[in-house]
């Protein structure tokens, strides 16, 4: 997978297995990740609610800061990790790869979910329509951050065969 930045981007015409069902898989991964985030937020809110009684309400004031930080931490820990995929993406055999040859780390990995959530709030159908008309099925957040969502198992075979 280290050849990703040095080799040309895969073409859906020559490597269709990399893009097979990516949009459907992304949608399913989103639902799985939404459930994971709901569990995380529910746990934080439960602890914060109970802690609020013992801290004379201070914990309740901190919740609006802690919850978004926990959500960003989820994305930073999963997308910025070794697998470059959230729990839902991993379950759906997806991986996020860079298209501009730069590693996905630091702030770059946080921009992807932030742009995603902004587009979901503003106009999610537009983002899906853009994905339908881009050759590599890239959504708005992929185009903005220079990333590409691929199937993991065929990707390993695709780039593994190109090593010299």
N, C-alpha and C. Protein backbone atom coordinates (compact mmCIF):
# COMPACT_ATOMS: atom_id res chain seq x y z
N UNK A 1 0.82 -1.20 0.00
CA UNK A 1 0.00 0.00 0.00
C UNK A 1 0.86 1.26 0.00
N UNK A 2 2.14 1.13 0.15
CA UNK A 2 2.99 2.31 0.14
C UNK A 2 3.17 2.86 -1.27
N UNK A 3 2.80 2.10 -2.29
CA UNK A 3 2.93 2.56 -3.67
C UNK A 3 1.81 3.50 -4.07
N UNK A 4 0.85 3.73 -3.23
CA UNK A 4 -0.32 4.51 -3.61
C UNK A 4 0.08 5.89 -4.09
N UNK A 5 0.96 6.56 -3.39
CA UNK A 5 1.34 7.91 -3.77
C UNK A 5 2.20 7.95 -5.03
N UNK A 6 2.92 6.85 -5.32
CA UNK A 6 3.84 6.87 -6.45
C UNK A 6 3.23 6.30 -7.72
N UNK A 7 2.21 5.48 -7.62
CA UNK A 7 1.60 4.91 -8.82
C UNK A 7 0.40 5.76 -9.23
N UNK A 8 0.05 5.68 -10.51
CA UNK A 8 -1.10 6.46 -10.97
C UNK A 8 -2.39 5.96 -10.30
N UNK A 9 -3.36 6.84 -10.27
CA UNK A 9 -4.64 6.46 -9.67
C UNK A 9 -5.30 5.38 -10.50
N UNK A 10 -5.99 4.49 -9.85
CA UNK A 10 -6.66 3.43 -10.59
C UNK A 10 -7.80 4.00 -11.44
N UNK A 11 -8.03 3.36 -12.55
CA UNK A 11 -9.09 3.77 -13.47
C UNK A 11 -10.23 2.76 -13.35
N UNK A 12 -11.46 3.24 -13.20
CA UNK A 12 -12.59 2.30 -13.12
C UNK A 12 -12.72 1.40 -14.35
N UNK A 13 -12.21 1.86 -15.50
CA UNK A 13 -12.30 1.05 -16.71
C UNK A 13 -11.32 -0.12 -16.68
N UNK A 14 -10.15 0.07 -16.08
CA UNK A 14 -9.15 -1.00 -16.05
C UNK A 14 -9.13 -1.77 -14.74
N UNK A 15 -9.67 -1.19 -13.67
CA UNK A 15 -9.73 -1.88 -12.37
C UNK A 15 -11.11 -1.68 -11.73
N UNK A 16 -12.16 -2.20 -12.37
CA UNK A 16 -13.52 -1.97 -11.86
C UNK A 16 -13.76 -2.60 -10.49
N UNK A 17 -13.02 -3.62 -10.14
CA UNK A 17 -13.21 -4.28 -8.84
C UNK A 17 -12.91 -3.34 -7.67
N UNK A 18 -12.06 -2.34 -7.89
CA UNK A 18 -11.74 -1.38 -6.84
C UNK A 18 -12.92 -0.46 -6.52
N UNK A 19 -13.79 -0.27 -7.48
CA UNK A 19 -14.90 0.67 -7.34
C UNK A 19 -16.26 -0.03 -7.26
N UNK A 20 -16.26 -1.35 -7.28
CA UNK A 20 -17.49 -2.12 -7.30
C UNK A 20 -18.33 -1.88 -6.04
N UNK A 21 -19.48 -1.24 -6.21
CA UNK A 21 -20.40 -1.01 -5.10
C UNK A 21 -19.91 -0.04 -4.05
N UNK A 22 -18.99 0.85 -4.39
CA UNK A 22 -18.40 1.75 -3.40
C UNK A 22 -19.46 2.68 -2.78
N UNK A 23 -20.35 3.23 -3.60
CA UNK A 23 -21.35 4.15 -3.04
C UNK A 23 -22.32 3.44 -2.10
N UNK A 24 -22.74 2.25 -2.46
CA UNK A 24 -23.62 1.48 -1.57
C UNK A 24 -22.89 1.11 -0.28
N UNK A 25 -21.66 0.70 -0.41
CA UNK A 25 -20.86 0.34 0.75
C UNK A 25 -20.62 1.57 1.64
N UNK A 26 -20.39 2.73 1.02
CA UNK A 26 -20.19 3.95 1.80
C UNK A 26 -21.44 4.30 2.59
N UNK A 27 -22.59 4.13 1.96
CA UNK A 27 -23.86 4.43 2.65
C UNK A 27 -24.06 3.50 3.84
N UNK A 28 -23.78 2.23 3.65
CA UNK A 28 -23.91 1.27 4.75
C UNK A 28 -22.89 1.57 5.84
N UNK A 29 -21.68 1.91 5.44
CA UNK A 29 -20.64 2.26 6.42
C UNK A 29 -21.05 3.49 7.22
N UNK A 30 -21.70 4.44 6.57
CA UNK A 30 -22.18 5.64 7.26
C UNK A 30 -23.18 5.27 8.35
N UNK A 31 -24.10 4.38 8.04
CA UNK A 31 -25.10 3.96 9.04
C UNK A 31 -24.42 3.26 10.21
N UNK A 32 -23.44 2.41 9.93
CA UNK A 32 -22.71 1.72 11.00
C UNK A 32 -21.95 2.73 11.86
N UNK A 33 -21.27 3.67 11.21
CA UNK A 33 -20.53 4.69 11.95
C UNK A 33 -21.45 5.60 12.74
N UNK A 34 -22.61 5.88 12.20
CA UNK A 34 -23.60 6.69 12.91
C UNK A 34 -24.04 5.97 14.19
N UNK A 35 -24.23 4.65 14.11
CA UNK A 35 -24.58 3.88 15.30
C UNK A 35 -23.43 3.89 16.31
N UNK A 36 -22.21 3.76 15.84
CA UNK A 36 -21.04 3.81 16.73
C UNK A 36 -20.96 5.18 17.42
N UNK A 37 -21.13 6.24 16.65
CA UNK A 37 -21.08 7.58 17.21
C UNK A 37 -22.22 7.82 18.20
N UNK A 38 -23.39 7.26 17.90
CA UNK A 38 -24.53 7.40 18.82
C UNK A 38 -24.22 6.74 20.15
N UNK A 39 -23.58 5.58 20.12
CA UNK A 39 -23.20 4.91 21.36
C UNK A 39 -22.17 5.72 22.14
N UNK A 40 -21.20 6.27 21.43
CA UNK A 40 -20.17 7.08 22.09
C UNK A 40 -20.79 8.32 22.72
N UNK A 41 -21.63 9.01 21.96
CA UNK A 41 -22.27 10.23 22.46
C UNK A 41 -23.21 9.91 23.62
N UNK A 42 -23.96 8.81 23.52
CA UNK A 42 -24.86 8.44 24.60
C UNK A 42 -24.06 8.15 25.88
N UNK A 43 -22.94 7.46 25.75
CA UNK A 43 -22.11 7.18 26.92
C UNK A 43 -21.56 8.45 27.54
N UNK A 44 -21.08 9.36 26.71
CA UNK A 44 -20.55 10.62 27.21
C UNK A 44 -21.65 11.44 27.88
N UNK A 45 -22.82 11.48 27.26
CA UNK A 45 -23.93 12.24 27.84
C UNK A 45 -24.40 11.64 29.17
N UNK A 46 -24.41 10.33 29.27
CA UNK A 46 -24.81 9.69 30.52
C UNK A 46 -23.82 10.03 31.64
N UNK A 47 -22.53 9.90 31.32
CA UNK A 47 -21.50 10.24 32.31
C UNK A 47 -21.57 11.73 32.65
N UNK A 48 -21.74 12.57 31.63
CA UNK A 48 -21.83 14.00 31.85
C UNK A 48 -23.05 14.40 32.65
N UNK A 49 -24.17 13.72 32.41
CA UNK A 49 -25.39 14.00 33.16
C UNK A 49 -25.21 13.69 34.64
N UNK A 50 -24.64 12.52 34.92
CA UNK A 50 -24.42 12.12 36.31
C UNK A 50 -23.37 13.02 36.96
N UNK A 51 -22.28 13.30 36.22
CA UNK A 51 -21.21 14.14 36.77
C UNK A 51 -21.71 15.57 37.02
N UNK A 52 -22.71 16.00 36.27
CA UNK A 52 -23.27 17.34 36.45
C UNK A 52 -23.84 17.55 37.84
N UNK A 53 -24.42 16.51 38.41
CA UNK A 53 -24.97 16.62 39.76
C UNK A 53 -23.87 16.80 40.81
N UNK A 54 -22.74 16.13 40.57
CA UNK A 54 -21.64 16.19 41.54
C UNK A 54 -20.76 17.42 41.35
N UNK A 55 -20.86 18.05 40.17
CA UNK A 55 -20.01 19.22 39.89
C UNK A 55 -20.81 20.52 39.86
N UNK A 56 -22.02 20.46 40.41
CA UNK A 56 -22.90 21.64 40.46
C UNK A 56 -23.15 22.21 39.07
N UNK A 57 -23.31 21.33 38.08
CA UNK A 57 -23.66 21.75 36.73
C UNK A 57 -22.51 22.05 35.79
N UNK A 58 -21.28 22.02 36.30
CA UNK A 58 -20.14 22.33 35.44
C UNK A 58 -20.00 21.29 34.33
N UNK A 59 -20.22 20.03 34.63
CA UNK A 59 -20.10 18.97 33.61
C UNK A 59 -21.11 19.18 32.50
N UNK A 60 -22.28 19.71 32.83
CA UNK A 60 -23.29 19.97 31.80
C UNK A 60 -22.83 21.06 30.85
N UNK A 61 -22.08 22.01 31.36
CA UNK A 61 -21.57 23.10 30.51
C UNK A 61 -20.44 22.62 29.59
N UNK A 62 -19.76 21.57 30.00
CA UNK A 62 -18.62 21.06 29.23
C UNK A 62 -19.08 20.11 28.13
N UNK A 63 -20.26 19.52 28.24
CA UNK A 63 -20.75 18.55 27.26
C UNK A 63 -20.74 19.08 25.82
N UNK A 64 -21.16 20.32 25.56
CA UNK A 64 -21.13 20.79 24.16
C UNK A 64 -19.72 20.88 23.57
N UNK A 65 -18.72 20.85 24.41
CA UNK A 65 -17.33 20.85 23.92
C UNK A 65 -16.81 19.42 23.80
N UNK A 66 -17.14 18.59 24.79
CA UNK A 66 -16.62 17.22 24.83
C UNK A 66 -17.22 16.35 23.72
N UNK A 67 -18.50 16.49 23.44
CA UNK A 67 -19.14 15.64 22.43
C UNK A 67 -18.51 15.83 21.04
N UNK A 68 -18.39 17.06 20.53
CA UNK A 68 -17.74 17.20 19.22
C UNK A 68 -16.27 16.73 19.22
N UNK A 69 -15.57 16.94 20.33
CA UNK A 69 -14.19 16.45 20.41
C UNK A 69 -14.14 14.93 20.36
N UNK A 70 -15.10 14.28 20.98
CA UNK A 70 -15.15 12.81 20.95
C UNK A 70 -15.43 12.31 19.53
N UNK A 71 -16.32 13.00 18.82
CA UNK A 71 -16.63 12.62 17.45
C UNK A 71 -15.40 12.81 16.56
N UNK A 72 -14.72 13.93 16.70
CA UNK A 72 -13.50 14.15 15.92
C UNK A 72 -12.42 13.14 16.30
N UNK A 73 -12.35 12.77 17.57
CA UNK A 73 -11.37 11.77 18.00
C UNK A 73 -11.66 10.41 17.36
N UNK A 74 -12.93 10.08 17.22
CA UNK A 74 -13.32 8.83 16.56
C UNK A 74 -12.76 8.81 15.14
N UNK A 75 -12.98 9.90 14.41
CA UNK A 75 -12.49 9.96 13.04
C UNK A 75 -10.97 10.01 12.98
N UNK A 76 -10.35 10.77 13.86
CA UNK A 76 -8.89 10.86 13.87
C UNK A 76 -8.26 9.51 14.19
N UNK A 77 -8.84 8.79 15.14
CA UNK A 77 -8.30 7.49 15.53
C UNK A 77 -8.52 6.41 14.50
N UNK A 78 -9.61 6.50 13.75
CA UNK A 78 -9.90 5.45 12.77
C UNK A 78 -9.34 5.79 11.39
N UNK A 79 -9.66 6.96 10.87
CA UNK A 79 -9.14 7.34 9.55
C UNK A 79 -7.64 7.61 9.58
N UNK A 80 -7.16 8.09 10.71
CA UNK A 80 -5.73 8.36 10.84
C UNK A 80 -4.93 7.15 11.27
N UNK A 81 -5.60 6.05 11.53
CA UNK A 81 -4.93 4.83 11.97
C UNK A 81 -4.33 4.04 10.82
N UNK A 82 -3.83 2.89 11.15
CA UNK A 82 -3.16 2.02 10.19
C UNK A 82 -4.09 1.58 9.06
N UNK A 83 -5.37 1.33 9.38
CA UNK A 83 -6.31 0.84 8.37
C UNK A 83 -6.91 1.94 7.50
N UNK A 84 -6.77 3.20 7.92
CA UNK A 84 -7.34 4.35 7.20
C UNK A 84 -8.81 4.14 6.87
N UNK A 85 -9.54 3.66 7.88
CA UNK A 85 -10.97 3.40 7.71
C UNK A 85 -11.66 3.45 9.06
N UNK A 86 -12.87 3.97 9.06
CA UNK A 86 -13.67 3.92 10.28
C UNK A 86 -14.14 2.48 10.49
N UNK A 87 -14.82 2.24 11.59
CA UNK A 87 -15.32 0.89 11.86
C UNK A 87 -16.27 0.45 10.75
N UNK A 88 -17.17 1.34 10.36
CA UNK A 88 -18.10 1.02 9.28
C UNK A 88 -17.40 0.77 7.96
N UNK A 89 -16.42 1.58 7.64
CA UNK A 89 -15.67 1.39 6.40
C UNK A 89 -14.94 0.05 6.41
N UNK A 90 -14.34 -0.29 7.53
CA UNK A 90 -13.64 -1.58 7.64
C UNK A 90 -14.60 -2.74 7.43
N UNK A 91 -15.78 -2.62 8.03
CA UNK A 91 -16.77 -3.69 7.88
C UNK A 91 -17.26 -3.82 6.44
N UNK A 92 -17.23 -2.72 5.71
CA UNK A 92 -17.69 -2.72 4.31
C UNK A 92 -16.54 -2.87 3.31
N UNK A 93 -15.33 -3.22 3.81
CA UNK A 93 -14.17 -3.45 2.96
C UNK A 93 -13.77 -2.20 2.17
N UNK A 94 -13.78 -1.04 2.85
CA UNK A 94 -13.40 0.22 2.23
C UNK A 94 -12.16 0.80 2.89
N UNK A 95 -11.42 1.60 2.13
CA UNK A 95 -10.25 2.28 2.65
C UNK A 95 -10.17 3.65 1.99
N UNK A 96 -9.68 4.63 2.75
CA UNK A 96 -9.52 5.99 2.25
C UNK A 96 -8.06 6.19 1.86
N UNK A 97 -7.82 6.53 0.59
CA UNK A 97 -6.45 6.68 0.11
C UNK A 97 -6.24 8.10 -0.42
N UNK A 98 -5.02 8.62 -0.31
CA UNK A 98 -4.75 9.96 -0.85
C UNK A 98 -4.62 9.92 -2.37
N UNK A 99 -5.01 11.00 -3.04
CA UNK A 99 -4.87 11.08 -4.49
C UNK A 99 -3.77 12.04 -4.91
N UNK A 100 -3.30 12.83 -4.00
CA UNK A 100 -2.31 13.86 -4.35
C UNK A 100 -0.90 13.50 -3.89
N UNK A 101 -0.70 12.27 -3.43
CA UNK A 101 0.62 11.84 -3.02
C UNK A 101 1.03 12.26 -1.62
N UNK A 102 0.16 12.94 -0.89
CA UNK A 102 0.46 13.36 0.47
C UNK A 102 -0.11 12.36 1.45
N UNK A 103 0.57 12.13 2.56
CA UNK A 103 0.02 11.19 3.56
C UNK A 103 -1.22 11.79 4.22
N UNK A 104 -2.09 10.91 4.66
CA UNK A 104 -3.30 11.33 5.37
C UNK A 104 -2.98 11.35 6.86
N UNK A 105 -2.70 12.53 7.38
CA UNK A 105 -2.40 12.64 8.79
C UNK A 105 -2.75 14.04 9.29
N UNK A 106 -2.71 14.19 10.59
CA UNK A 106 -2.94 15.50 11.21
C UNK A 106 -4.27 16.12 10.82
N UNK A 107 -4.21 17.39 10.50
CA UNK A 107 -5.43 18.15 10.17
C UNK A 107 -6.09 17.63 8.90
N UNK A 108 -5.30 17.09 8.00
CA UNK A 108 -5.87 16.61 6.73
C UNK A 108 -6.91 15.53 6.97
N UNK A 109 -6.66 14.68 7.96
CA UNK A 109 -7.59 13.59 8.21
C UNK A 109 -8.86 14.10 8.88
N UNK A 110 -8.80 15.23 9.57
CA UNK A 110 -10.00 15.80 10.20
C UNK A 110 -10.84 16.63 9.23
N UNK A 111 -10.22 17.14 8.19
CA UNK A 111 -10.96 17.95 7.22
C UNK A 111 -11.99 17.09 6.49
N UNK A 112 -11.64 15.85 6.18
CA UNK A 112 -12.55 14.95 5.45
C UNK A 112 -13.89 14.79 6.15
N UNK A 113 -13.94 14.38 7.44
CA UNK A 113 -15.25 14.25 8.09
C UNK A 113 -15.95 15.59 8.32
N UNK A 114 -15.18 16.66 8.53
CA UNK A 114 -15.82 17.97 8.73
C UNK A 114 -16.53 18.40 7.45
N UNK A 115 -15.85 18.27 6.31
CA UNK A 115 -16.49 18.63 5.04
C UNK A 115 -17.67 17.69 4.78
N UNK A 116 -17.52 16.42 5.12
CA UNK A 116 -18.62 15.47 4.94
C UNK A 116 -19.86 15.92 5.71
N UNK A 117 -19.68 16.23 7.00
CA UNK A 117 -20.84 16.61 7.81
C UNK A 117 -21.44 17.93 7.36
N UNK A 118 -20.61 18.85 6.90
CA UNK A 118 -21.15 20.12 6.38
C UNK A 118 -21.99 19.85 5.13
N UNK A 119 -21.50 19.01 4.23
CA UNK A 119 -22.28 18.72 3.03
C UNK A 119 -23.54 17.92 3.35
N UNK A 120 -23.49 17.07 4.37
CA UNK A 120 -24.69 16.34 4.78
C UNK A 120 -25.74 17.31 5.30
N UNK A 121 -25.32 18.29 6.10
CA UNK A 121 -26.27 19.26 6.65
C UNK A 121 -26.81 20.20 5.58
N UNK A 122 -25.95 20.59 4.64
CA UNK A 122 -26.36 21.59 3.66
C UNK A 122 -27.12 20.96 2.50
N UNK A 123 -26.53 19.99 1.85
CA UNK A 123 -27.16 19.42 0.66
C UNK A 123 -26.60 18.03 0.37
N UNK A 124 -27.03 17.04 1.13
CA UNK A 124 -26.51 15.69 0.92
C UNK A 124 -26.86 15.12 -0.45
N UNK A 125 -28.03 15.44 -1.04
CA UNK A 125 -28.28 14.88 -2.38
C UNK A 125 -27.29 15.38 -3.43
N UNK A 126 -26.82 16.61 -3.27
CA UNK A 126 -25.85 17.16 -4.21
C UNK A 126 -24.54 16.36 -4.15
N UNK A 127 -24.11 16.03 -2.94
CA UNK A 127 -22.88 15.26 -2.78
C UNK A 127 -23.02 13.88 -3.42
N UNK A 128 -24.17 13.25 -3.25
CA UNK A 128 -24.39 11.95 -3.88
C UNK A 128 -24.47 12.06 -5.39
N UNK A 129 -25.10 13.12 -5.90
CA UNK A 129 -25.17 13.31 -7.34
C UNK A 129 -23.78 13.53 -7.94
N UNK A 130 -22.96 14.30 -7.26
CA UNK A 130 -21.59 14.52 -7.74
C UNK A 130 -20.86 13.18 -7.81
N UNK A 131 -21.07 12.34 -6.81
CA UNK A 131 -20.41 11.02 -6.80
C UNK A 131 -20.87 10.16 -7.98
N UNK A 132 -22.12 10.30 -8.37
CA UNK A 132 -22.62 9.52 -9.50
C UNK A 132 -22.01 9.95 -10.83
N UNK A 133 -21.56 11.20 -10.90
CA UNK A 133 -21.04 11.72 -12.16
C UNK A 133 -19.51 11.85 -12.21
N UNK A 134 -18.83 11.50 -11.13
CA UNK A 134 -17.36 11.48 -11.17
C UNK A 134 -16.93 10.06 -11.52
N UNK A 135 -15.90 9.92 -12.33
CA UNK A 135 -15.52 8.58 -12.79
C UNK A 135 -15.10 7.64 -11.66
N UNK A 136 -14.52 8.18 -10.60
CA UNK A 136 -14.05 7.34 -9.49
C UNK A 136 -15.01 7.35 -8.30
N UNK A 137 -16.22 7.83 -8.52
CA UNK A 137 -17.29 7.88 -7.50
C UNK A 137 -16.87 8.68 -6.27
N UNK A 138 -16.16 9.79 -6.50
CA UNK A 138 -15.72 10.64 -5.40
C UNK A 138 -16.84 11.60 -5.00
N UNK A 139 -17.01 11.77 -3.70
CA UNK A 139 -17.99 12.71 -3.18
C UNK A 139 -17.30 14.05 -2.95
N UNK A 140 -18.06 15.06 -2.54
CA UNK A 140 -17.52 16.40 -2.36
C UNK A 140 -16.32 16.39 -1.41
N UNK A 141 -16.44 15.71 -0.27
CA UNK A 141 -15.35 15.71 0.70
C UNK A 141 -14.10 15.04 0.13
N UNK A 142 -14.26 14.08 -0.76
CA UNK A 142 -13.10 13.44 -1.38
C UNK A 142 -12.40 14.41 -2.33
N UNK A 143 -13.19 15.15 -3.10
CA UNK A 143 -12.62 16.11 -4.04
C UNK A 143 -11.91 17.24 -3.32
N UNK A 144 -12.51 17.70 -2.21
CA UNK A 144 -11.91 18.80 -1.44
C UNK A 144 -10.61 18.37 -0.77
N UNK A 145 -10.59 17.19 -0.20
CA UNK A 145 -9.42 16.75 0.57
C UNK A 145 -8.41 15.95 -0.25
N UNK A 146 -8.73 15.63 -1.50
CA UNK A 146 -7.79 14.87 -2.32
C UNK A 146 -7.68 13.43 -1.88
N UNK A 147 -8.84 12.79 -1.69
CA UNK A 147 -8.85 11.39 -1.27
C UNK A 147 -9.72 10.58 -2.22
N UNK A 148 -9.63 9.28 -2.07
CA UNK A 148 -10.38 8.36 -2.90
C UNK A 148 -10.78 7.18 -2.03
N UNK A 149 -12.03 6.76 -2.14
CA UNK A 149 -12.51 5.61 -1.39
C UNK A 149 -12.49 4.40 -2.32
N UNK A 150 -11.80 3.36 -1.88
CA UNK A 150 -11.66 2.14 -2.67
C UNK A 150 -12.03 0.93 -1.84
N UNK A 151 -12.29 -0.18 -2.53
CA UNK A 151 -12.45 -1.46 -1.84
C UNK A 151 -11.07 -1.92 -1.38
N UNK A 152 -10.96 -2.33 -0.14
CA UNK A 152 -9.65 -2.70 0.43
C UNK A 152 -9.07 -3.97 -0.18
N UNK A 153 -9.83 -5.05 -0.21
CA UNK A 153 -9.25 -6.32 -0.65
C UNK A 153 -8.79 -6.29 -2.10
N UNK A 154 -9.56 -5.75 -3.05
CA UNK A 154 -9.02 -5.65 -4.41
C UNK A 154 -7.88 -4.65 -4.52
N UNK A 155 -7.87 -3.62 -3.66
CA UNK A 155 -6.81 -2.61 -3.69
C UNK A 155 -5.47 -3.26 -3.36
N UNK A 156 -5.45 -4.11 -2.36
CA UNK A 156 -4.21 -4.78 -1.96
C UNK A 156 -3.70 -5.62 -3.13
N UNK A 157 -4.60 -6.31 -3.80
CA UNK A 157 -4.19 -7.11 -4.96
C UNK A 157 -3.73 -6.21 -6.11
N UNK A 158 -4.43 -5.08 -6.33
CA UNK A 158 -4.11 -4.16 -7.43
C UNK A 158 -2.70 -3.59 -7.30
N UNK A 159 -2.40 -2.98 -6.15
CA UNK A 159 -1.10 -2.37 -5.98
C UNK A 159 -0.03 -3.39 -5.61
N UNK A 160 -0.44 -4.49 -5.03
CA UNK A 160 0.54 -5.53 -4.70
C UNK A 160 1.17 -6.12 -5.95
N UNK A 161 0.41 -6.19 -7.03
CA UNK A 161 0.92 -6.73 -8.30
C UNK A 161 1.81 -5.77 -9.05
N UNK A 162 1.82 -4.48 -8.66
CA UNK A 162 2.62 -3.48 -9.37
C UNK A 162 3.99 -3.27 -8.75
N UNK A 163 4.28 -3.92 -7.66
CA UNK A 163 5.59 -3.72 -7.00
C UNK A 163 6.70 -4.34 -7.82
N UNK A 164 7.78 -3.61 -7.90
CA UNK A 164 8.90 -4.11 -8.72
C UNK A 164 10.01 -4.65 -7.83
